Amino acid sequence: MARKAKPKFDKNIIVDAFAEMARDRGIDRETLQTIIKETLSMLVRKKYGERAEFDIVVNMDKGDIEIYRILTVVENVEDAVLEIAREEANQGVEQYDAGDEFLEEITLDNIAENFGRRLVNTAGQTLNQRIRDVERDNINAYFADKISEIIVGEVHHVRRSDVFVMHNNVEMRLPREEQIPRERYRKNEPIRAIIKEVRKQTTSGSGPDIIVSRADNAFLAKLFEIEIPEIYDRLIEIKAIAREPGERAKVAVQSFDDRIDPVGACVGMKGIRIHAIVRELSNENIDVINFSDDPATFIARALSPAKVKNIQVSAETRSCTVLVADDQVSLAIGKNGQNVRLASRLTGYSISLVKEGIEDIELIEFRDELGKDLYMRIIESEIDTAREFLNAEPTRLLSIPGMTRELLVEMRRIILEEFEERENPDVRDYILSLENAQNGASLPETPLETAQNDSAGNGSVNGSASAMQNPPQEIANTQIENNG
């Protein structure tokens, strides 16, 4: 089989070009070699058709790129795609007989002559597109493994809603909803953020959309990990975070070592550790709270700096009623309801704040609505006032002969209207999900939870906890009761 002379290209130039392309684009040589081979295969098929037989050799280390079209020698050509006339094949030095295999080499010298400049240009564009696709996939895979990690970048440019950040020559996007409100970003200034999400772009050739955040709770958690060695070493764990970026945050922590005070370790000597985080977050106030497995104790601490007198918890509805003194109400609520709102998010409980000394009504005022017989049975159950009725376990009330789910829901609505309050939908749904007592049989009574304050808490808690609470006037996903 005869082969034409090798092209007179300087192979070192080709090798260097391949090496530079692989290095600049972050593509390994084998992948780049495969892309080039597939691009040249596309070129041959476009020129000679899908049935064409060929062999392509790409050796990036040696700088060889060779294309061999495989033809069968025949006396008379019937299929120009697969055959070559013996007379044409024998124009070279080596002679062929009918049935022999003939290799027609297409070198870089004659590639444009064989395929035409249009096809060559198309192949060049395809090659560049494939390289960009691989580059994009590599970036996507790399940063997908970096989600929830902090990056340090530089503000590249600022738009109305988005800030674009450059990190290791990769552009990332900080959307408005992931920014700390009132922060101002200037071009070329350094910036820290957490990688929140990596989205694949549908537009051909465009890189992945890497979303970074400074407002996400995970960013605050990572800052704690950086500034507080005990958290990094897993001696202290962050149990929960509630945050309004740039304004205030509450962080619940727990120590796995009895010798370590988790709150003191996070704050640091003279507040040096927590102040470093506060400065990074544009002076966002941070409350560090000692976590507790007891919901009432945890809720009391979460409402710090307010001190509470009593907490009644309903685990079924994830709600609670908190009794506070008159002079503690404003502290418990916080500016624009911020303190109680963050406490609710941190604990996962809907919090109803009740002023001490709130008004109550004797249950006899609702005897007509209840009916005389049912009213007497309720009184015999030692439920004498409207507040006691509202705070009683629904299962206890449903165990009283004559009480049904529908009647209980309706009576709660009537009583709450009398107090100018409104029902918590979760409480109503919970009641309707219970079964009515049959034939006067008693339903099991939910145990009452008792919350006592301990020395490590951030609030004062005592008394018993009842399963169902009535949410009064709602303030920022929590409720406030007022005695007028």
Protein backbone atom coordinates (compact mmCIF):
# COMPACT_ATOMS: atom_id res chain seq x y z
CA MET A 1 0.00 0.00 0.00
CA ALA A 2 1.46 3.32 -1.05
CA ARG A 3 1.37 6.39 1.13
CA LYS A 4 2.18 9.86 0.01
CA ALA A 5 5.04 11.82 1.51
CA LYS A 6 4.50 13.24 5.00
CA PRO A 7 3.52 16.93 5.22
CA LYS A 8 6.35 19.37 5.57
CA PHE A 9 4.91 21.00 8.68
CA ASP A 10 7.06 21.71 11.68
CA LYS A 11 5.68 19.16 14.15
CA ASN A 12 7.04 21.08 17.10
CA ILE A 13 4.64 23.92 16.27
CA ILE A 14 1.70 21.50 16.33
CA VAL A 15 2.82 19.88 19.59
CA ASP A 16 3.28 23.28 21.24
CA ALA A 17 -0.11 24.45 19.99
CA PHE A 18 -1.82 21.37 21.44
CA ALA A 19 -0.03 21.75 24.77
CA GLU A 20 -0.96 25.43 25.03
CA MET A 21 -4.60 24.73 24.17
CA ALA A 22 -4.84 21.94 26.76
CA ARG A 23 -3.21 24.11 29.41
CA ASP A 24 -5.22 27.28 28.78
CA ARG A 25 -8.56 25.52 28.51
CA GLY A 26 -7.98 23.09 31.37
CA ILE A 27 -8.51 20.08 29.08
CA ASP A 28 -6.40 16.96 29.33
CA ARG A 29 -4.53 15.87 26.18
CA GLU A 30 -6.49 12.65 25.70
CA THR A 31 -9.79 14.52 25.69
CA LEU A 32 -8.46 17.14 23.28
CA GLN A 33 -7.09 14.38 21.03
CA THR A 34 -10.51 12.68 20.97
CA ILE A 35 -12.24 15.98 20.09
CA ILE A 36 -9.87 16.61 17.17
CA LYS A 37 -10.35 13.06 15.91
CA GLU A 38 -14.16 13.34 16.07
CA THR A 39 -14.06 16.72 14.28
CA LEU A 40 -11.97 15.31 11.44
CA SER A 41 -14.33 12.31 11.20
CA MET A 42 -17.23 14.72 10.77
CA LEU A 43 -15.27 16.48 8.02
CA VAL A 44 -14.70 13.24 6.09
CA ARG A 45 -18.33 12.15 6.37
CA LYS A 46 -19.60 15.52 5.15
CA LYS A 47 -17.32 15.30 2.14
CA TYR A 48 -17.63 11.61 1.19
CA GLY A 49 -20.87 10.52 2.88
CA GLU A 50 -21.72 8.32 5.81
CA ARG A 51 -20.62 5.13 4.02
CA ALA A 52 -17.06 6.30 3.53
CA GLU A 53 -14.37 4.19 5.19
CA PHE A 54 -11.42 6.00 6.69
CA ASP A 55 -8.82 5.96 9.42
CA ILE A 56 -7.64 8.98 11.40
CA VAL A 57 -4.41 9.15 13.38
CA VAL A 58 -3.97 11.97 15.91
CA ASN A 59 -0.84 11.90 18.05
CA MET A 60 -0.50 15.09 20.08
CA ASP A 61 2.87 14.08 21.53
CA LYS A 62 4.44 13.73 18.08
CA GLY A 63 2.39 16.35 16.32
CA ASP A 64 0.94 13.88 13.79
CA ILE A 65 -2.49 14.40 12.24
CA GLU A 66 -3.17 11.97 9.42
CA ILE A 67 -6.37 11.06 7.55
CA TYR A 68 -6.50 7.95 5.41
CA ARG A 69 -9.42 7.26 3.12
CA ILE A 70 -9.76 3.48 2.57
CA LEU A 71 -10.69 2.42 -0.98
CA THR A 72 -10.89 -0.92 -2.83
CA VAL A 73 -9.04 -1.21 -6.15
CA VAL A 74 -11.37 -2.30 -9.01
CA GLU A 75 -11.19 -2.43 -12.80
CA ASN A 76 -14.34 -0.37 -13.27
CA VAL A 77 -15.60 1.98 -10.54
CA GLU A 78 -19.25 1.46 -9.66
CA ASP A 79 -19.20 3.06 -6.17
CA ALA A 80 -17.02 6.16 -6.06
CA VAL A 81 -17.35 6.35 -2.26
CA LEU A 82 -15.68 3.00 -1.63
CA GLU A 83 -13.78 2.16 -4.86
CA ILE A 84 -10.88 3.46 -6.96
CA ALA A 85 -9.92 2.45 -10.50
CA ARG A 86 -6.76 0.27 -10.77
CA GLU A 87 -5.33 2.62 -13.41
CA GLU A 88 -5.61 5.61 -11.01
CA ALA A 89 -4.24 3.66 -8.06
CA ASN A 90 -1.17 2.56 -10.04
CA GLN A 91 -0.05 6.11 -10.81
CA GLY A 92 2.32 5.93 -7.87
CA VAL A 93 5.37 3.80 -7.28
CA GLU A 94 3.54 0.80 -5.81
CA GLN A 95 1.34 -1.25 -8.11
CA TYR A 96 -2.06 -2.69 -7.21
CA ASP A 97 -4.27 -5.49 -8.47
CA ALA A 98 -8.05 -5.57 -8.41
CA GLY A 99 -9.29 -6.28 -4.87
CA ASP A 100 -6.33 -4.64 -3.13
CA GLU A 101 -6.84 -1.99 -0.45
CA PHE A 102 -5.70 1.51 -1.32
CA LEU A 103 -5.08 4.28 1.22
CA GLU A 104 -5.58 7.83 0.00
CA GLU A 105 -3.85 10.13 2.46
CA ILE A 106 -5.26 13.58 3.16
CA THR A 107 -2.57 15.68 4.81
CA LEU A 108 -2.65 19.14 6.32
CA ASP A 109 -1.02 20.28 3.08
CA ASN A 110 -3.98 19.29 0.96
CA ILE A 111 -6.85 19.33 3.45
CA ALA A 112 -8.32 22.54 2.03
CA GLU A 113 -7.87 21.22 -1.51
CA ASN A 114 -9.70 17.98 -0.68
CA PHE A 115 -12.57 19.36 1.42
CA GLY A 116 -12.92 22.97 0.32
CA ARG A 117 -12.49 25.99 2.52
CA ARG A 118 -16.12 26.11 3.57
CA LEU A 119 -16.04 22.61 5.07
CA VAL A 120 -12.66 23.31 6.68
CA ASN A 121 -14.02 26.49 8.27
CA THR A 122 -17.08 24.57 9.51
CA ALA A 123 -14.81 21.93 11.03
CA GLY A 124 -12.78 24.66 12.75
CA GLN A 125 -15.93 26.16 14.28
CA THR A 126 -17.10 22.71 15.39
CA LEU A 127 -13.72 22.04 16.99
CA ASN A 128 -13.84 25.33 18.92
CA GLN A 129 -17.41 24.66 20.02
CA ARG A 130 -16.55 21.18 21.28
CA ILE A 131 -13.59 22.54 23.22
CA ARG A 132 -15.79 25.23 24.78
CA ASP A 133 -18.36 22.57 25.73
CA VAL A 134 -15.73 20.44 27.43
CA GLU A 135 -14.31 23.51 29.16
CA ARG A 136 -17.80 24.45 30.39
CA ASP A 137 -18.50 20.90 31.63
CA ASN A 138 -15.19 20.83 33.48
CA ILE A 139 -15.96 24.13 35.20
CA ASN A 140 -19.48 22.92 36.03
CA ALA A 141 -18.20 19.67 37.56
CA TYR A 142 -15.45 21.44 39.51
CA PHE A 143 -17.69 24.03 41.13
CA ALA A 144 -20.56 21.57 41.69
CA ASP A 145 -18.21 19.89 44.17
CA LYS A 146 -17.52 23.28 45.79
CA ILE A 147 -21.12 24.09 46.75
CA SER A 148 -21.33 25.52 50.30
CA GLU A 149 -17.68 26.56 50.21
CA ILE A 150 -16.54 30.17 50.59
CA ILE A 151 -14.70 31.79 47.69
CA VAL A 152 -12.73 35.02 47.65
CA GLY A 153 -13.20 36.90 44.41
CA GLU A 154 -13.14 40.34 42.90
CA VAL A 155 -16.10 42.42 41.82
CA HIS A 156 -15.94 42.39 38.03
CA HIS A 157 -18.90 44.59 37.19
CA VAL A 158 -22.13 45.71 38.83
CA ARG A 159 -25.55 45.73 37.20
CA ARG A 160 -28.90 46.92 38.50
CA SER A 161 -29.80 43.58 40.09
CA ASP A 162 -26.71 41.39 39.79
CA VAL A 163 -23.08 41.68 40.82
CA PHE A 164 -20.58 39.66 38.78
CA VAL A 165 -17.59 38.27 40.62
CA MET A 166 -14.38 36.88 39.11
CA HIS A 167 -12.75 33.95 40.88
CA ASN A 168 -9.81 32.14 39.23
CA ASN A 169 -10.83 33.58 35.85
CA VAL A 170 -14.36 32.19 36.24
CA GLU A 171 -17.30 34.57 36.34
CA MET A 172 -19.87 34.09 39.11
CA ARG A 173 -23.15 35.86 39.78
CA LEU A 174 -24.36 37.42 43.05
CA PRO A 175 -28.13 38.05 42.51
CA ARG A 176 -29.97 40.79 44.38
CA GLU A 177 -31.78 38.28 46.61
CA GLU A 178 -28.43 36.82 47.69
CA GLN A 179 -26.92 40.21 48.55
CA ILE A 180 -26.91 41.82 51.98
CA PRO A 181 -29.36 44.74 51.76
CA ARG A 182 -27.78 48.19 51.74
CA GLU A 183 -24.35 46.80 50.88
CA ARG A 184 -22.68 48.65 48.03
CA TYR A 185 -20.25 46.86 45.72
CA ARG A 186 -17.50 48.57 43.74
CA LYS A 187 -15.59 47.26 40.78
CA ASN A 188 -12.25 45.56 41.57
CA GLU A 189 -12.91 45.37 45.32
CA PRO A 190 -12.43 41.96 47.02
CA ILE A 191 -15.52 40.07 48.10
CA ARG A 192 -16.27 36.88 50.01
CA ALA A 193 -19.32 34.73 49.31
CA ILE A 194 -20.47 31.14 49.42
CA ILE A 195 -21.13 29.03 46.32
CA LYS A 196 -24.84 28.32 46.55
CA GLU A 197 -25.78 26.77 43.22
CA VAL A 198 -24.30 25.80 39.85
CA ARG A 199 -26.77 25.93 36.98
CA LYS A 200 -26.09 24.52 33.53
CA GLN A 201 -26.77 27.06 30.83
CA THR A 202 -29.02 26.03 27.95
CA THR A 203 -27.43 28.52 25.57
CA SER A 204 -24.79 26.80 23.45
CA GLY A 205 -21.25 27.89 24.23
CA SER A 206 -22.06 29.81 27.39
CA GLY A 207 -20.47 28.81 30.68
CA PRO A 208 -22.33 27.58 33.77
CA ASP A 209 -24.29 30.07 35.87
CA ILE A 210 -22.53 29.92 39.24
CA ILE A 211 -24.67 31.55 41.95
CA VAL A 212 -22.88 32.88 45.01
CA SER A 213 -24.50 34.28 48.15
CA ARG A 214 -23.77 36.50 51.11
CA ALA A 215 -27.32 36.35 52.49
CA ASP A 216 -27.65 32.58 52.83
CA ASN A 217 -27.56 31.00 56.30
CA ALA A 218 -24.79 28.70 55.07
CA PHE A 219 -22.51 31.73 54.55
CA LEU A 220 -22.91 32.70 58.20
CA ALA A 221 -22.28 29.09 59.26
CA LYS A 222 -19.06 28.97 57.21
CA LEU A 223 -17.85 32.24 58.73
CA PHE A 224 -18.38 30.72 62.18
CA GLU A 225 -16.37 27.70 61.08
CA ILE A 226 -13.51 29.91 59.86
CA GLU A 227 -13.39 32.19 62.92
CA ILE A 228 -14.11 29.64 65.66
CA PRO A 229 -11.67 26.70 65.86
CA GLU A 230 -13.98 24.68 68.11
CA ILE A 231 -16.63 24.62 65.38
CA TYR A 232 -14.04 23.68 62.74
CA ASP A 233 -12.81 20.85 65.00
CA ARG A 234 -16.42 19.68 65.55
CA LEU A 235 -16.28 20.29 69.30
CA ILE A 236 -19.18 22.73 68.90
CA GLU A 237 -22.05 22.23 66.46
CA ILE A 238 -24.31 24.86 64.93
CA LYS A 239 -27.81 23.45 65.45
CA ALA A 240 -29.90 26.17 63.79
CA ILE A 241 -29.64 29.61 62.21
CA ALA A 242 -32.31 32.27 61.68
CA ARG A 243 -31.22 35.38 59.89
CA GLU A 244 -32.37 38.65 58.36
CA PRO A 245 -29.23 39.56 56.37
CA GLY A 246 -27.56 42.79 57.38
CA GLU A 247 -29.94 43.27 60.30
CA ARG A 248 -29.90 40.50 62.86
CA ALA A 249 -29.26 36.79 63.23
CA LYS A 250 -29.77 34.14 65.89
CA VAL A 251 -27.45 31.14 65.99
CA ALA A 252 -28.08 28.11 68.23
CA VAL A 253 -24.96 26.17 69.21
CA GLN A 254 -24.27 23.04 71.23
CA SER A 255 -21.03 21.75 72.76
CA PHE A 256 -19.93 18.11 72.70
CA ASP A 257 -17.39 18.78 75.44
CA ASP A 258 -18.71 19.64 78.91
CA ARG A 259 -15.62 21.74 79.55
CA ILE A 260 -16.43 24.10 76.67
CA ASP A 261 -19.04 26.85 76.94
CA PRO A 262 -20.38 27.02 73.37
CA VAL A 263 -21.67 30.59 73.63
CA GLY A 264 -18.46 31.87 75.23
CA ALA A 265 -16.30 30.09 72.66
CA CYS A 266 -18.25 31.64 69.78
CA VAL A 267 -18.16 35.14 71.23
CA GLY A 268 -14.49 34.97 72.17
CA MET A 269 -12.45 37.07 74.57
CA LYS A 270 -13.96 40.56 74.63
CA GLY A 271 -16.09 39.54 71.64
CA ILE A 272 -13.12 39.35 69.26
CA ARG A 273 -14.36 36.28 67.40
CA ILE A 274 -17.94 37.34 66.89
CA HIS A 275 -16.89 40.89 65.97
CA ALA A 276 -14.87 39.56 63.02
CA ILE A 277 -18.02 37.94 61.66
CA VAL A 278 -20.15 41.02 62.38
CA ARG A 279 -17.75 43.22 60.40
CA GLU A 280 -17.83 40.84 57.44
CA LEU A 281 -21.66 41.00 57.45
CA SER A 282 -21.92 44.81 57.46
CA ASN A 283 -22.48 45.03 61.24
CA GLU A 284 -25.25 42.45 61.36
CA ASN A 285 -26.19 41.84 65.02
CA ILE A 286 -25.67 38.20 66.00
CA ASP A 287 -27.24 36.51 69.04
CA VAL A 288 -25.50 33.26 69.98
CA ILE A 289 -27.85 30.94 71.92
CA ASN A 290 -27.22 27.75 73.85
CA PHE A 291 -29.29 24.99 72.20
CA SER A 292 -31.58 22.77 74.27
CA ASP A 293 -33.47 19.59 73.36
CA ASP A 294 -36.33 20.82 75.53
CA PRO A 295 -38.55 22.97 73.27
CA ALA A 296 -39.73 25.31 76.04
CA THR A 297 -36.21 26.00 77.26
CA PHE A 298 -34.96 26.52 73.71
CA ILE A 299 -37.83 28.91 72.90
CA ALA A 300 -37.15 30.90 76.08
CA ARG A 301 -33.50 31.27 75.15
CA ALA A 302 -34.37 32.15 71.56
CA LEU A 303 -36.50 35.07 72.78
CA SER A 304 -33.47 36.61 74.54
CA PRO A 305 -32.91 39.36 75.61
CA ALA A 306 -36.52 39.16 76.83
CA LYS A 307 -37.25 37.14 79.97
CA VAL A 308 -40.35 34.96 79.91
CA LYS A 309 -42.50 33.76 82.79
CA ASN A 310 -44.22 30.69 81.39
CA ILE A 311 -44.29 28.67 78.17
CA GLN A 312 -46.98 26.24 77.05
CA VAL A 313 -45.90 24.05 74.13
CA SER A 314 -47.91 22.02 71.63
CA ALA A 315 -45.57 19.61 69.86
CA GLU A 316 -48.40 18.40 67.59
CA THR A 317 -48.99 21.79 66.01
CA ARG A 318 -45.46 23.13 66.55
CA SER A 319 -46.92 26.11 68.39
CA CYS A 320 -46.52 27.64 71.85
CA THR A 321 -47.90 30.38 74.07
CA VAL A 322 -45.34 32.47 75.94
CA LEU A 323 -46.31 34.54 78.99
CA VAL A 324 -44.20 37.67 79.44
CA ALA A 325 -44.31 40.57 81.89
CA ASP A 326 -45.51 43.96 80.65
CA ASP A 327 -42.01 45.44 80.68
CA GLN A 328 -40.65 42.52 78.61
CA VAL A 329 -43.17 42.63 75.76
CA SER A 330 -41.26 45.14 73.63
CA LEU A 331 -38.02 43.21 74.09
CA ALA A 332 -39.70 39.93 73.18
CA ILE A 333 -41.27 41.40 70.07
CA GLY A 334 -38.23 43.38 68.97
CA LYS A 335 -38.04 46.09 66.33
CA ASN A 336 -40.83 45.51 63.80
CA GLY A 337 -41.40 42.07 65.35
CA GLN A 338 -37.87 40.98 64.43
CA ASN A 339 -36.91 39.27 67.71
CA VAL A 340 -39.96 37.05 67.99
CA ARG A 341 -39.92 36.37 64.24
CA LEU A 342 -36.31 35.15 64.32
CA ALA A 343 -37.02 33.11 67.46
CA SER A 344 -39.88 31.40 65.66
CA ARG A 345 -37.67 30.56 62.67
CA LEU A 346 -34.84 29.35 64.88
CA THR A 347 -36.99 27.00 66.94
CA GLY A 348 -39.49 26.00 64.27
CA TYR A 349 -42.41 26.90 66.56
CA SER A 350 -45.20 29.40 65.99
CA ILE A 351 -44.92 31.69 69.01
CA SER A 352 -47.85 33.45 70.69
CA LEU A 353 -46.77 36.16 73.13
CA VAL A 354 -49.23 36.79 75.95
CA LYS A 355 -49.02 39.72 78.38
CA GLU A 356 -49.15 38.86 82.05
CA GLY A 357 -52.51 39.66 83.64
CA ILE A 358 -54.54 39.10 80.48
CA GLU A 359 -58.33 39.19 80.88
CA ASP A 360 -60.40 36.05 81.22
CA ILE A 361 -64.14 35.25 81.13
CA GLU A 362 -66.10 32.73 83.14
CA LEU A 363 -67.23 29.85 80.96
CA ILE A 364 -70.81 30.34 82.09
CA GLU A 365 -70.97 33.26 79.63
CA PHE A 366 -70.99 30.65 76.83
CA ARG A 367 -73.47 28.23 78.41
CA ASP A 368 -76.12 28.94 75.78
CA GLU A 369 -73.75 28.10 72.95
CA LEU A 370 -72.51 24.92 74.67
CA GLY A 371 -75.84 23.75 75.95
CA LYS A 372 -76.62 23.23 79.63
CA ASP A 373 -75.69 19.54 79.80
CA LEU A 374 -72.37 19.89 77.95
CA TYR A 375 -71.54 23.01 79.95
CA MET A 376 -72.02 21.12 83.25
CA ARG A 377 -69.83 18.24 82.06
CA ILE A 378 -67.05 20.70 81.16
CA ILE A 379 -67.32 22.38 84.57
CA GLU A 380 -67.14 18.94 86.21
CA SER A 381 -63.87 18.45 84.28
CA GLU A 382 -62.50 21.45 86.23
CA ILE A 383 -62.53 23.79 83.23
CA ASP A 384 -64.12 26.98 84.57
CA THR A 385 -62.99 29.87 82.33
CA ALA A 386 -62.74 30.67 78.63
CA ARG A 387 -58.94 30.72 78.78
CA GLU A 388 -58.85 27.33 80.46
CA PHE A 389 -61.13 26.02 77.71
CA LEU A 390 -58.87 27.42 75.01
CA ASN A 391 -55.71 26.03 76.62
CA ALA A 392 -57.16 22.59 77.34
CA GLU A 393 -56.00 19.61 75.30
CA PRO A 394 -58.45 18.96 72.42
CA THR A 395 -58.31 15.23 73.17
CA ARG A 396 -59.41 15.98 76.73
CA LEU A 397 -62.33 18.10 75.55
CA LEU A 398 -63.37 15.52 72.92
CA SER A 399 -63.50 12.87 75.64
CA ILE A 400 -66.39 14.78 77.26
CA PRO A 401 -69.73 13.26 76.12
CA GLY A 402 -71.51 15.56 73.69
CA MET A 403 -68.37 17.35 72.43
CA THR A 404 -67.51 16.93 68.75
CA ARG A 405 -64.69 18.22 66.59
CA GLU A 406 -66.98 20.61 64.75
CA LEU A 407 -68.49 21.98 67.96
CA LEU A 408 -65.05 22.40 69.53
CA VAL A 409 -63.79 24.34 66.50
CA GLU A 410 -66.91 26.54 66.53
CA MET A 411 -66.68 27.23 70.29
CA ARG A 412 -63.03 28.20 69.99
CA ARG A 413 -63.99 30.62 67.20
CA ILE A 414 -66.75 32.21 69.32
CA ILE A 415 -64.53 32.59 72.38
CA LEU A 416 -61.60 33.97 70.37
CA GLU A 417 -63.88 36.54 68.77
CA GLU A 418 -64.90 37.62 72.26
CA PHE A 419 -61.21 38.22 73.03
CA GLU A 420 -60.76 39.91 69.61
CA GLU A 421 -58.34 37.23 68.57
CA ARG A 422 -58.23 34.72 65.76
CA GLU A 423 -57.57 31.01 65.45
CA ASN A 424 -54.28 29.49 64.33
CA PRO A 425 -55.13 27.42 61.20
CA ASP A 426 -52.74 24.67 62.33
CA VAL A 427 -54.70 24.28 65.57
CA ARG A 428 -58.00 24.07 63.70
CA ASP A 429 -56.61 21.45 61.28
CA TYR A 430 -55.22 19.46 64.18
CA ILE A 431 -58.61 19.36 65.95
CA LEU A 432 -60.43 18.29 62.79
CA SER A 433 -57.90 15.50 62.29
CA LEU A 434 -58.81 13.95 65.66
CA GLU A 435 -61.54 11.37 66.11
CA ASN A 436 -64.70 12.14 68.05
CA ALA A 437 -65.20 10.28 71.30
CA GLN A 438 -67.61 7.40 70.87
CA ASN A 439 -70.26 6.60 73.46
CA GLY A 440 -68.61 8.80 76.02
CA ALA A 441 -65.33 6.81 75.94
CA SER A 442 -62.38 8.84 77.12
CA LEU A 443 -59.65 9.67 74.65
CA PRO A 444 -56.06 9.56 75.89
CA GLU A 445 -54.93 12.86 77.31
CA THR A 446 -51.77 14.35 75.86
CA PRO A 447 -49.10 14.71 78.56
CA LEU A 448 -48.46 18.25 79.70
CA GLU A 449 -44.95 19.50 79.22
CA THR A 450 -43.36 21.39 82.07
CA ALA A 451 -40.57 23.83 81.28
CA GLN A 452 -38.24 24.94 84.02
CA ASN A 453 -35.48 27.47 83.46
CA ASP A 454 -31.91 26.22 84.00
CA SER A 455 -28.77 28.16 84.77
CA ALA A 456 -27.55 28.07 81.16
CA GLY A 457 -30.74 29.51 79.66
CA ASN A 458 -31.29 32.94 78.25
CA GLY A 459 -34.72 33.40 79.80
CA SER A 460 -36.88 32.50 82.80
CA VAL A 461 -39.31 29.66 82.26
CA ASN A 462 -41.63 27.85 84.65
CA GLY A 463 -45.06 26.26 84.83
CA SER A 464 -46.82 23.69 82.70
CA ALA A 465 -47.20 23.36 78.97
CA SER A 466 -50.56 22.73 77.36
CA ALA A 467 -50.97 21.11 73.98
CA MET A 468 -53.23 23.63 72.30
CA GLN A 469 -52.72 27.36 72.21
CA ASN A 470 -54.70 30.17 70.75
CA PRO A 471 -52.80 32.52 68.53
CA PRO A 472 -53.95 36.09 69.00
CA GLN A 473 -53.28 39.00 66.71
CA GLU A 474 -50.58 37.94 64.33
CA ILE A 475 -47.33 39.85 64.14
CA ALA A 476 -44.76 38.58 61.63
CA ASN A 477 -45.78 34.89 61.81
CA THR A 478 -46.22 35.12 65.59
CA GLN A 479 -49.07 36.33 67.76
CA ILE A 480 -49.42 38.94 70.50
CA GLU A 481 -52.17 38.99 73.09
CA ASN A 482 -53.08 42.28 74.75
CA ASN A 483 -55.32 42.87 77.68
CA GLY A 484 -56.36 46.30 76.46
